[in-house]
């Protein structure tokens, strides 16, 4: 046997070897990335990350300034780590269209405590398996039955707004957030939320509270990374809140499984579910667990939590911005109303799946709203191999590439007069020559948003209910709102609109 001192010596040499190798890689990558432009450096440790310090509204403004100053790509760096910020559709395509770059960037560590390794944050074989399980949930035969949920909850939203329409304005943000939380709870989990029990009230509050904590971490970038987050003043509160979220979703899964029967027919033959309970996305997960063993209880909870996160806040923010834009453009509001009359016949009619599919002008309005205010305003990927950008820079493997969707959508070379709300940008003839990666509200490539058709139908159903009952008058406008950086794009103080009841329904 070797003496202990020899083993210690060998272990020390091995550690030094790997440390020097790591330093060499970091320095090499840093040297390659140093060729990129970016905000001025503030020192070896802080790099130029000082540029993104401040309030969420200041960070939003700084990111927009960076687009003007450093297009098409710039770096943000600290402690020998660099992030490449991507602003052009050409470079977005190079990354998003290549599956080798499918791994999400470190910024998604923000969500790990809550979502663990769900569809949004996972990669590799786990992501592929989960995507395969969940894709059938968005088959049109299942989406058709979700329309019933959208209409029911949209009707309840209208009733809440009617209670406040005598006021000079309504802050629609909390009302819309409750609407989208209830719709995703029923469609994803098969659970009707009425917010009367302590568990439901606590869950609703936890969904809102976790958003505030994630915003704090996002505006203090060192707390994005999970090991630094242990030192966050909000860490213990974050653990408490995620405990509430996990406890609720776990109980929902247990309750659903008690009376669950496997799905015995192919999705394409399912049609509208005839059982006592409507089919929920959770049912597909339970069926995959029972019949194929491709997911376990932990995985089911990860996906339920992921769908709650992705399906609630993104749609809520989108609907708020679209309602504001609709209120500010009377001609657009009238054209949407006329289309609804032509398709529905009666504004009080609840739209069917086919009705919603026929609302083409409304769809263009939604698309233009998502161009101006994309809910997911950036995404991050870890490069799986060295990448030569369209402008000739070489980004080394393992670089975190952050694609700023908001800036792509506001590029004046792609969208003339980019701040103008113009639904006709999405007429077929106006889309033909546009770069395919110039419009990315639902990402693109193999990791595009699995729920984009779901979201579009939900937004249309909500607009039908609201416009069928109210004339919208502007209070907040694009000029008066303060947009802030968060996990999703939002305003600092909600969105205020005046709702005038229609008398000629």
Protein backbone atom coordinates (compact mmCIF):
# COMPACT_ATOMS: atom_id res chain seq x y z
CA UNK A 1 0.00 0.00 0.00
CA UNK A 2 1.11 3.56 -0.65
CA UNK A 3 1.96 5.71 2.40
CA UNK A 4 -0.74 8.21 3.35
CA UNK A 5 1.62 11.11 2.58
CA UNK A 6 2.03 9.88 -1.00
CA UNK A 7 -1.75 9.64 -1.47
CA UNK A 8 -2.20 13.13 -0.09
CA UNK A 9 0.56 14.38 -2.39
CA UNK A 10 -1.06 12.75 -5.45
CA UNK A 11 -4.50 14.11 -4.49
CA UNK A 12 -3.05 17.61 -4.09
CA UNK A 13 -1.31 17.45 -7.47
CA UNK A 14 -4.53 16.21 -9.10
CA UNK A 15 -6.53 19.04 -7.54
CA UNK A 16 -3.95 21.60 -8.66
CA UNK A 17 -3.97 20.13 -12.18
CA UNK A 18 -7.75 20.44 -12.52
CA UNK A 19 -7.74 23.90 -10.93
CA UNK A 20 -5.11 25.14 -13.40
CA UNK A 21 -7.07 23.54 -16.25
CA UNK A 22 -10.22 25.32 -15.09
CA UNK A 23 -8.40 28.65 -14.83
CA UNK A 24 -6.96 28.13 -18.32
CA UNK A 25 -10.44 27.47 -19.74
CA UNK A 26 -11.90 30.49 -17.96
CA UNK A 27 -9.10 32.76 -19.13
CA UNK A 28 -9.32 31.39 -22.68
CA UNK A 29 -13.08 31.93 -22.78
CA UNK A 30 -12.69 35.35 -21.22
CA UNK A 31 -10.11 36.28 -23.86
CA UNK A 32 -12.45 35.20 -26.65
CA UNK A 33 -15.36 37.08 -25.13
CA UNK A 34 -13.24 40.19 -24.46
CA UNK A 35 -13.51 41.01 -28.15
CA UNK A 36 -17.19 41.79 -27.65
CA UNK A 37 -18.31 45.33 -26.96
CA UNK A 38 -20.21 46.15 -23.80
CA UNK A 39 -20.63 48.63 -20.97
CA UNK A 40 -17.39 49.89 -19.35
CA UNK A 41 -15.61 47.59 -16.91
CA UNK A 42 -15.76 48.25 -13.19
CA UNK A 43 -12.94 45.94 -12.09
CA UNK A 44 -11.89 42.26 -12.30
CA UNK A 45 -14.49 41.05 -9.81
CA UNK A 46 -17.55 43.11 -10.70
CA UNK A 47 -16.74 43.37 -14.41
CA UNK A 48 -19.43 45.43 -16.08
CA UNK A 49 -22.36 43.94 -14.15
CA UNK A 50 -22.59 47.28 -12.32
CA UNK A 51 -24.51 48.36 -15.41
CA UNK A 52 -27.49 46.25 -14.33
CA UNK A 53 -27.66 47.42 -10.73
CA UNK A 54 -30.59 49.49 -9.57
CA UNK A 55 -34.36 49.41 -9.60
CA UNK A 56 -36.23 47.06 -11.97
CA UNK A 57 -37.31 50.04 -14.09
CA UNK A 58 -33.71 51.30 -14.34
CA UNK A 59 -32.51 47.84 -15.38
CA UNK A 60 -35.19 47.80 -18.11
CA UNK A 61 -33.99 51.18 -19.39
CA UNK A 62 -30.33 50.11 -19.29
CA UNK A 63 -31.08 47.01 -21.36
CA UNK A 64 -32.78 49.16 -23.98
CA UNK A 65 -29.81 51.55 -24.04
CA UNK A 66 -27.49 48.59 -24.57
CA UNK A 67 -29.42 47.60 -27.70
CA UNK A 68 -28.90 51.06 -29.17
CA UNK A 69 -25.22 51.22 -28.21
CA UNK A 70 -23.99 47.67 -28.86
CA UNK A 71 -26.17 46.02 -31.51
CA UNK A 72 -26.04 43.15 -32.56
CA UNK A 73 -24.24 41.58 -29.57
CA UNK A 74 -22.61 42.67 -26.32
CA UNK A 75 -21.14 41.14 -23.21
CA UNK A 76 -21.90 41.34 -19.52
CA UNK A 77 -19.22 39.84 -17.33
CA UNK A 78 -18.08 39.36 -13.73
CA UNK A 79 -15.44 37.17 -12.05
CA UNK A 80 -14.13 35.77 -15.38
CA UNK A 81 -17.61 34.67 -16.41
CA UNK A 82 -19.17 36.25 -19.47
CA UNK A 83 -22.66 36.29 -20.87
CA UNK A 84 -23.33 37.07 -24.53
CA UNK A 85 -26.40 39.22 -25.09
CA UNK A 86 -28.00 38.49 -28.45
CA UNK A 87 -30.03 41.17 -30.24
CA UNK A 88 -30.35 40.08 -33.88
CA UNK A 89 -32.78 37.54 -35.34
CA UNK A 90 -29.93 35.98 -37.33
CA UNK A 91 -27.99 35.08 -34.17
CA UNK A 92 -31.18 34.00 -32.40
CA UNK A 93 -31.75 31.53 -35.21
CA UNK A 94 -28.21 30.14 -34.97
CA UNK A 95 -28.83 29.28 -31.32
CA UNK A 96 -32.51 28.45 -31.11
CA UNK A 97 -32.69 26.30 -34.25
CA UNK A 98 -29.80 24.04 -33.17
CA UNK A 99 -30.72 21.37 -30.58
CA UNK A 100 -27.13 21.26 -29.35
CA UNK A 101 -27.82 24.59 -27.65
CA UNK A 102 -31.04 23.41 -25.95
CA UNK A 103 -29.73 23.55 -22.38
CA UNK A 104 -31.15 26.51 -20.48
CA UNK A 105 -28.82 29.15 -19.05
CA UNK A 106 -27.89 29.59 -15.39
CA UNK A 107 -30.45 32.36 -14.94
CA UNK A 108 -33.09 29.63 -14.69
CA UNK A 109 -31.58 28.73 -11.32
CA UNK A 110 -34.01 31.42 -10.16
CA UNK A 111 -36.85 28.97 -10.64
CA UNK A 112 -35.23 25.77 -9.39
CA UNK A 113 -36.54 25.87 -5.81
CA UNK A 114 -40.11 25.95 -7.08
CA UNK A 115 -40.05 24.13 -10.42
CA UNK A 116 -37.12 21.75 -9.82
CA UNK A 117 -36.49 19.91 -13.13
CA UNK A 118 -39.76 20.47 -14.95
CA UNK A 119 -40.18 21.02 -18.69
CA UNK A 120 -39.03 24.64 -18.53
CA UNK A 121 -35.76 24.00 -16.69
CA UNK A 122 -34.76 20.43 -17.61
CA UNK A 123 -32.62 19.37 -20.55
CA UNK A 124 -31.41 16.30 -22.42
CA UNK A 125 -33.30 13.03 -22.24
CA UNK A 126 -35.47 14.15 -19.33
CA UNK A 127 -36.72 17.14 -21.31
CA UNK A 128 -37.38 15.02 -24.41
CA UNK A 129 -39.36 12.44 -22.40
CA UNK A 130 -41.45 15.05 -20.62
CA UNK A 131 -42.13 16.94 -23.85
CA UNK A 132 -43.32 13.71 -25.48
CA UNK A 133 -45.68 13.00 -22.56
CA UNK A 134 -47.17 16.49 -22.51
CA UNK A 135 -47.47 17.31 -26.23
CA UNK A 136 -50.81 15.43 -26.56
CA UNK A 137 -52.29 17.77 -23.92
CA UNK A 138 -52.42 20.43 -26.63
CA UNK A 139 -54.11 18.31 -29.29
CA UNK A 140 -57.12 20.23 -30.62
CA UNK A 141 -59.51 17.60 -29.26
CA UNK A 142 -58.36 18.42 -25.73
CA UNK A 143 -58.09 22.16 -26.39
CA UNK A 144 -61.75 22.12 -27.39
CA UNK A 145 -62.83 21.15 -23.90
CA UNK A 146 -60.54 23.73 -22.35
CA UNK A 147 -62.63 26.39 -24.13
CA UNK A 148 -65.44 25.57 -21.68
CA UNK A 149 -63.12 26.45 -18.79
CA UNK A 150 -61.94 29.65 -20.48
CA UNK A 151 -65.52 30.78 -21.06
CA UNK A 152 -66.68 29.96 -17.55
CA UNK A 153 -63.81 31.81 -15.90
CA UNK A 154 -64.03 34.72 -18.35
CA UNK A 155 -67.69 35.11 -17.38
CA UNK A 156 -66.69 35.25 -13.70
CA UNK A 157 -64.03 37.84 -14.58
CA UNK A 158 -66.67 39.98 -16.27
CA UNK A 159 -68.88 39.76 -13.17
CA UNK A 160 -65.98 40.99 -11.01
CA UNK A 161 -65.34 43.89 -13.38
CA UNK A 162 -69.03 44.82 -13.36
CA UNK A 163 -68.79 45.34 -9.61
CA UNK A 164 -66.13 48.00 -10.17
CA UNK A 165 -67.15 49.61 -13.46
CA UNK A 166 -68.77 52.54 -11.62
CA UNK A 167 -65.29 53.61 -10.51
CA UNK A 168 -63.19 56.10 -12.46
CA UNK A 169 -60.84 53.25 -13.35
CA UNK A 170 -60.03 49.65 -12.50
CA UNK A 171 -56.57 48.22 -11.93
CA UNK A 172 -57.10 45.11 -14.04
CA UNK A 173 -53.87 43.35 -13.05
CA UNK A 174 -55.10 41.50 -9.91
CA UNK A 175 -58.40 40.55 -11.59
CA UNK A 176 -56.63 39.11 -14.62
CA UNK A 177 -54.08 37.30 -12.47
CA UNK A 178 -56.89 35.55 -10.60
CA UNK A 179 -58.60 34.66 -13.89
CA UNK A 180 -55.48 33.03 -15.36
CA UNK A 181 -54.63 31.25 -12.11
CA UNK A 182 -58.10 29.71 -11.99
CA UNK A 183 -58.02 28.63 -15.64
CA UNK A 184 -54.60 27.00 -15.40
CA UNK A 185 -55.55 25.28 -12.13
CA UNK A 186 -58.56 23.62 -13.73
CA UNK A 187 -56.99 22.81 -17.11
CA UNK A 188 -53.64 21.63 -15.75
CA UNK A 189 -54.66 20.13 -12.40
CA UNK A 190 -58.39 19.54 -12.78
CA UNK A 191 -59.00 21.70 -9.70
CA UNK A 192 -61.58 24.48 -9.42
CA UNK A 193 -60.20 27.27 -7.26
CA UNK A 194 -62.78 29.36 -5.39
CA UNK A 195 -60.38 30.84 -2.85
CA UNK A 196 -62.61 30.09 0.11
CA UNK A 197 -60.53 27.49 1.96
CA UNK A 198 -57.37 28.42 3.85
CA UNK A 199 -55.32 26.14 1.58
CA UNK A 200 -56.57 27.86 -1.57
CA UNK A 201 -56.10 31.35 -0.14
CA UNK A 202 -52.58 30.50 1.02
CA UNK A 203 -51.76 29.03 -2.39
CA UNK A 204 -52.98 32.13 -4.22
CA UNK A 205 -50.93 34.38 -1.94
CA UNK A 206 -47.88 32.16 -2.35
CA UNK A 207 -48.07 32.42 -6.16
CA UNK A 208 -47.98 36.22 -5.85
CA UNK A 209 -45.32 36.26 -3.12
CA UNK A 210 -42.91 34.01 -5.01
CA UNK A 211 -43.05 36.50 -7.88
CA UNK A 212 -41.88 39.31 -5.61
CA UNK A 213 -38.95 37.24 -4.34
CA UNK A 214 -37.91 36.23 -7.85
CA UNK A 215 -37.99 39.91 -8.84
CA UNK A 216 -35.68 40.72 -5.91
CA UNK A 217 -33.23 38.02 -6.98
CA UNK A 218 -33.38 39.14 -10.61
CA UNK A 219 -32.54 42.74 -9.66
CA UNK A 220 -29.65 41.49 -7.47
CA UNK A 221 -27.94 39.19 -10.01
CA UNK A 222 -25.59 37.46 -7.55
CA UNK A 223 -28.66 35.92 -5.89
CA UNK A 224 -29.69 34.29 -9.18
CA UNK A 225 -27.20 31.48 -8.59
CA UNK A 226 -28.46 28.94 -6.08
CA UNK A 227 -25.32 28.81 -3.90
CA UNK A 228 -25.25 32.59 -3.46
CA UNK A 229 -28.99 32.57 -2.83
CA UNK A 230 -28.38 30.92 0.54
CA UNK A 231 -27.18 34.35 1.70
CA UNK A 232 -30.20 36.25 0.38
CA UNK A 233 -32.27 38.03 3.07
CA UNK A 234 -35.33 36.44 1.44
CA UNK A 235 -33.97 32.87 1.29
CA UNK A 236 -35.87 31.49 4.30
CA UNK A 237 -39.08 33.20 3.14
CA UNK A 238 -38.59 31.70 -0.32
CA UNK A 239 -38.27 28.22 1.21
CA UNK A 240 -41.44 28.77 3.23
CA UNK A 241 -43.40 29.94 0.19
CA UNK A 242 -42.20 27.14 -2.07
CA UNK A 243 -43.20 24.73 0.69
CA UNK A 244 -46.77 26.07 0.51
CA UNK A 245 -46.78 25.79 -3.30
CA UNK A 246 -45.45 22.22 -3.25
CA UNK A 247 -47.81 21.12 -0.49
CA UNK A 248 -50.85 22.33 -2.41
CA UNK A 249 -49.90 20.82 -5.78
CA UNK A 250 -48.94 17.53 -4.11
CA UNK A 251 -52.33 17.30 -2.42
CA UNK A 252 -54.10 18.05 -5.71
CA UNK A 253 -52.18 15.22 -7.38
CA UNK A 254 -53.03 12.79 -4.56
CA UNK A 255 -56.74 13.71 -4.71
CA UNK A 256 -56.85 13.42 -8.50
CA UNK A 257 -55.14 10.03 -8.47
CA UNK A 258 -57.63 8.51 -6.03
CA UNK A 259 -60.39 8.39 -8.66
CA UNK A 260 -58.20 8.33 -11.73
CA UNK A 261 -58.80 5.93 -14.60
CA UNK A 262 -56.21 5.49 -17.32
CA UNK A 263 -56.89 7.04 -20.70
CA UNK A 264 -57.65 4.04 -22.89
CA UNK A 265 -58.08 5.68 -26.31
CA UNK A 266 -55.67 7.68 -28.47
CA UNK A 267 -55.88 11.44 -27.96
CA UNK A 268 -56.93 11.99 -31.59
CA UNK A 269 -59.99 9.80 -30.97
CA UNK A 270 -60.81 11.24 -27.59
CA UNK A 271 -63.01 14.16 -28.60
CA UNK A 272 -64.65 16.03 -25.78
CA UNK A 273 -64.18 14.06 -22.59
CA UNK A 274 -67.43 12.37 -21.58
CA UNK A 275 -66.55 11.43 -18.02
CA UNK A 276 -67.70 13.14 -14.85
CA UNK A 277 -64.48 15.14 -14.76
CA UNK A 278 -62.94 17.03 -17.64
CA UNK A 279 -59.58 15.76 -18.77
CA UNK A 280 -56.69 17.72 -17.26
CA UNK A 281 -53.03 17.79 -18.23
CA UNK A 282 -52.39 16.01 -14.94
CA UNK A 283 -54.35 13.01 -16.24
CA UNK A 284 -51.82 12.51 -19.05
CA UNK A 285 -49.01 12.51 -16.50
CA UNK A 286 -50.80 9.99 -14.29
CA UNK A 287 -51.46 7.80 -17.31
CA UNK A 288 -47.77 7.93 -18.31
CA UNK A 289 -46.83 6.93 -14.77
CA UNK A 290 -49.26 4.00 -14.60
CA UNK A 291 -48.96 2.61 -18.14
CA UNK A 292 -45.43 3.43 -19.24
CA UNK A 293 -43.49 4.24 -16.08
CA UNK A 294 -41.86 7.19 -17.87
CA UNK A 295 -42.49 9.59 -14.99
CA UNK A 296 -42.71 9.26 -11.19
CA UNK A 297 -44.53 11.22 -8.49
CA UNK A 298 -41.73 13.78 -8.19
CA UNK A 299 -41.75 14.34 -11.94
CA UNK A 300 -45.51 14.78 -11.99
CA UNK A 301 -45.29 17.47 -9.34
CA UNK A 302 -42.49 19.22 -11.24
CA UNK A 303 -44.66 19.45 -14.33
CA UNK A 304 -47.79 20.54 -12.47
CA UNK A 305 -45.82 23.34 -10.81
CA UNK A 306 -44.21 24.28 -14.13
CA UNK A 307 -47.54 24.56 -15.92
CA UNK A 308 -48.96 26.65 -13.10
CA UNK A 309 -46.03 29.06 -13.38
CA UNK A 310 -45.91 29.22 -17.17
CA UNK A 311 -49.65 29.26 -17.76
CA UNK A 312 -50.60 31.87 -15.19
CA UNK A 313 -48.29 34.87 -15.13
CA UNK A 314 -47.30 34.99 -18.80
CA UNK A 315 -50.91 35.02 -20.00
CA UNK A 316 -51.97 37.48 -17.30
CA UNK A 317 -49.33 40.03 -18.28
CA UNK A 318 -50.12 39.61 -21.98
CA UNK A 319 -53.84 40.17 -21.43
CA UNK A 320 -53.24 43.30 -19.37
CA UNK A 321 -51.07 44.91 -22.04
CA UNK A 322 -53.49 43.92 -24.82
CA UNK A 323 -56.46 45.42 -22.95
CA UNK A 324 -54.52 48.66 -22.47
CA UNK A 325 -53.66 48.83 -26.17
CA UNK A 326 -57.28 48.05 -27.11
CA UNK A 327 -58.52 50.87 -24.87
CA UNK A 328 -56.05 53.29 -26.46
CA UNK A 329 -57.10 52.49 -30.04
CA UNK A 330 -60.83 52.95 -30.55
CA UNK A 331 -60.65 51.96 -34.22
CA UNK A 332 -59.01 48.65 -33.32
CA UNK A 333 -61.57 48.03 -30.58
CA UNK A 334 -64.42 48.65 -33.02
CA UNK A 335 -62.94 46.37 -35.67
CA UNK A 336 -62.55 43.58 -33.10
CA UNK A 337 -66.15 44.08 -32.03
CA UNK A 338 -67.43 43.95 -35.61
CA UNK A 339 -65.50 40.73 -36.22
CA UNK A 340 -66.99 39.22 -33.06
CA UNK A 341 -70.49 40.09 -34.26
CA UNK A 342 -69.78 38.53 -37.66
CA UNK A 343 -68.40 35.31 -36.17
CA UNK A 344 -70.60 34.91 -33.08
CA UNK A 345 -73.77 36.57 -34.33
CA UNK A 346 -74.70 37.50 -30.77
CA UNK A 347 -72.14 39.13 -28.46
CA UNK A 348 -73.59 37.26 -25.51
CA UNK A 349 -72.83 33.92 -27.15
CA UNK A 350 -69.96 31.95 -25.65
CA UNK A 351 -67.46 31.21 -28.42
CA UNK A 352 -66.64 27.68 -29.50
CA UNK A 353 -63.22 26.41 -30.51
CA UNK A 354 -64.05 27.04 -34.17
CA UNK A 355 -65.37 30.54 -33.39
CA UNK A 356 -62.11 31.48 -31.69
CA UNK A 357 -60.11 30.07 -34.58
CA UNK A 358 -62.11 32.30 -36.94
CA UNK A 359 -61.25 35.55 -35.13
CA UNK A 360 -58.35 36.44 -37.42
CA UNK A 361 -58.29 40.18 -36.81
CA UNK A 362 -58.34 39.66 -33.05
CA UNK A 363 -55.45 37.25 -33.46
CA UNK A 364 -53.45 39.92 -35.31
CA UNK A 365 -54.15 42.35 -32.46
CA UNK A 366 -52.92 39.81 -29.92
CA UNK A 367 -49.79 39.13 -31.97
CA UNK A 368 -49.02 42.82 -32.22
CA UNK A 369 -49.59 43.22 -28.48
CA UNK A 370 -47.13 40.38 -27.86
CA UNK A 371 -44.65 42.02 -30.21
CA UNK A 372 -44.75 45.28 -28.27
CA UNK A 373 -44.89 43.61 -24.86
CA UNK A 374 -43.63 40.00 -25.02
CA UNK A 375 -44.41 38.33 -21.69
CA UNK A 376 -41.22 36.30 -21.93
CA UNK A 377 -38.90 39.15 -22.86
CA UNK A 378 -35.65 37.18 -22.76
CA UNK A 379 -34.48 33.58 -22.78
CA UNK A 380 -31.08 32.11 -21.97
CA UNK A 381 -29.26 29.09 -23.36
CA UNK A 382 -25.92 27.45 -22.61
CA UNK A 383 -24.01 26.91 -25.83
CA UNK A 384 -23.29 23.24 -26.50
CA UNK A 385 -20.37 24.01 -28.83
CA UNK A 386 -18.38 26.99 -30.08
CA UNK A 387 -20.55 29.31 -32.14
CA UNK A 388 -19.57 31.82 -34.81
CA UNK A 389 -22.18 34.57 -34.81
CA UNK A 390 -23.63 36.19 -37.90
CA UNK A 391 -21.40 39.21 -37.31
CA UNK A 392 -18.26 37.04 -37.03
CA UNK A 393 -17.64 36.78 -33.27
CA UNK A 394 -16.76 33.38 -31.84
CA UNK A 395 -18.62 32.44 -28.65
CA UNK A 396 -16.99 29.53 -26.80
CA UNK A 397 -18.81 26.40 -25.69
CA UNK A 398 -20.64 26.78 -22.34
CA UNK A 399 -21.18 30.50 -22.87
CA UNK A 400 -24.55 31.66 -21.56
CA UNK A 401 -26.31 33.36 -24.47
CA UNK A 402 -29.17 35.66 -23.49
CA UNK A 403 -31.57 36.44 -26.32
CA UNK A 404 -33.42 39.69 -25.75
CA UNK A 405 -36.77 39.09 -27.41
CA UNK A 406 -38.03 42.56 -26.48
CA UNK A 407 -35.19 44.16 -28.44
CA UNK A 408 -35.66 41.89 -31.44
CA UNK A 409 -39.33 42.91 -31.50
CA UNK A 410 -38.48 46.62 -31.33
CA UNK A 411 -35.82 46.65 -34.04
CA UNK A 412 -36.73 49.54 -36.40
CA UNK A 413 -35.02 47.79 -39.31
CA UNK A 414 -37.49 44.94 -38.96
CA UNK A 415 -40.54 46.82 -37.65
CA UNK A 416 -40.66 50.42 -38.94
CA UNK A 417 -41.96 52.81 -36.29
CA UNK A 418 -41.58 49.98 -33.75
CA UNK A 419 -43.48 51.64 -30.89
CA UNK A 420 -46.63 51.99 -32.99
CA UNK A 421 -49.45 49.51 -32.39
CA UNK A 422 -50.32 48.19 -35.86
CA UNK A 423 -52.08 44.81 -36.13
CA UNK A 424 -51.65 44.88 -39.91
CA UNK A 425 -47.99 44.02 -39.41
CA UNK A 426 -49.31 40.47 -39.11
CA UNK A 427 -51.26 40.32 -42.33
CA UNK A 428 -49.92 37.33 -44.28
CA UNK A 429 -48.45 39.51 -47.00
CA UNK A 430 -46.57 41.58 -44.40
CA UNK A 431 -45.05 38.53 -42.72
CA UNK A 432 -43.68 36.81 -45.82
CA UNK A 433 -40.36 38.65 -46.08
CA UNK A 434 -39.78 39.01 -42.34
CA UNK A 435 -36.98 36.95 -40.81
CA UNK A 436 -38.51 33.80 -39.24
CA UNK A 437 -36.78 34.58 -35.93
CA UNK A 438 -37.84 38.23 -35.83
CA UNK A 439 -40.98 37.38 -33.84
CA UNK A 440 -40.42 35.22 -30.76
CA UNK A 441 -43.15 35.65 -28.13
CA UNK A 442 -43.31 31.88 -27.72
CA UNK A 443 -39.61 31.25 -28.35
CA UNK A 444 -38.77 29.10 -31.40
CA UNK A 445 -37.06 25.90 -32.47
CA UNK A 446 -37.48 22.59 -30.66
CA UNK A 447 -37.83 24.35 -27.28
CA UNK A 448 -40.64 26.61 -28.38
CA UNK A 449 -43.55 27.13 -25.98
CA UNK A 450 -45.64 23.96 -25.85
CA UNK A 451 -48.70 25.96 -24.77
CA UNK A 452 -48.83 28.71 -27.40
CA UNK A 453 -52.13 27.57 -28.95
CA UNK A 454 -53.57 27.19 -25.46
CA UNK A 455 -52.53 30.76 -24.62
CA UNK A 456 -53.91 32.21 -27.84
CA UNK A 457 -57.31 30.58 -27.28
CA UNK A 458 -57.43 31.73 -23.65
CA UNK A 459 -56.61 35.32 -24.64
CA UNK A 460 -59.28 35.30 -27.35
CA UNK A 461 -61.92 33.88 -25.01
CA UNK A 462 -61.15 36.55 -22.40
CA UNK A 463 -61.27 39.36 -24.99
CA UNK A 464 -64.61 38.09 -26.32
CA UNK A 465 -66.12 38.15 -22.83
CA UNK A 466 -64.71 41.56 -21.91
CA UNK A 467 -65.36 43.38 -25.21
CA UNK A 468 -68.80 41.83 -25.44
CA UNK A 469 -69.73 43.49 -22.14
CA UNK A 470 -67.66 46.68 -21.94
CA UNK A 471 -66.35 49.62 -23.90
CA UNK A 472 -62.74 50.12 -22.85
CA UNK A 473 -61.51 53.65 -22.27
CA UNK A 474 -57.84 54.46 -21.67
CA UNK A 475 -56.40 55.53 -18.34
CA UNK A 476 -52.90 54.08 -18.64
CA UNK A 477 -51.19 54.41 -22.01
CA UNK A 478 -47.87 53.19 -23.46
CA UNK A 479 -46.49 56.65 -22.64
CA UNK A 480 -47.53 56.67 -18.97
CA UNK A 481 -46.83 53.11 -17.83
CA UNK A 482 -43.48 52.21 -16.25
CA UNK A 483 -42.27 48.87 -17.61
CA UNK A 484 -39.96 46.86 -15.36
CA UNK A 485 -37.69 43.85 -15.68
CA UNK A 486 -39.00 40.69 -14.04
CA UNK A 487 -39.21 37.03 -14.97
CA UNK A 488 -42.10 38.19 -17.14
CA UNK A 489 -42.52 41.68 -18.55
CA UNK A 490 -44.81 43.79 -16.39
CA UNK A 491 -45.60 47.32 -15.29
CA UNK A 492 -44.54 48.85 -12.00
CA UNK A 493 -48.05 49.60 -10.76
CA UNK A 494 -50.44 47.40 -12.72
CA UNK A 495 -52.60 48.62 -15.61
CA UNK A 496 -55.57 50.95 -15.16
CA UNK A 497 -58.54 50.99 -17.56
CA UNK A 498 -62.03 52.48 -17.48
CA UNK A 499 -64.78 49.91 -18.14
CA UNK A 500 -68.08 51.27 -19.52
CA UNK A 501 -70.93 48.71 -19.68
CA UNK A 502 -72.37 48.14 -23.14
CA UNK A 503 -76.05 48.92 -23.43
CA UNK A 504 -76.62 47.56 -26.94
CA UNK A 505 -75.69 43.90 -26.45
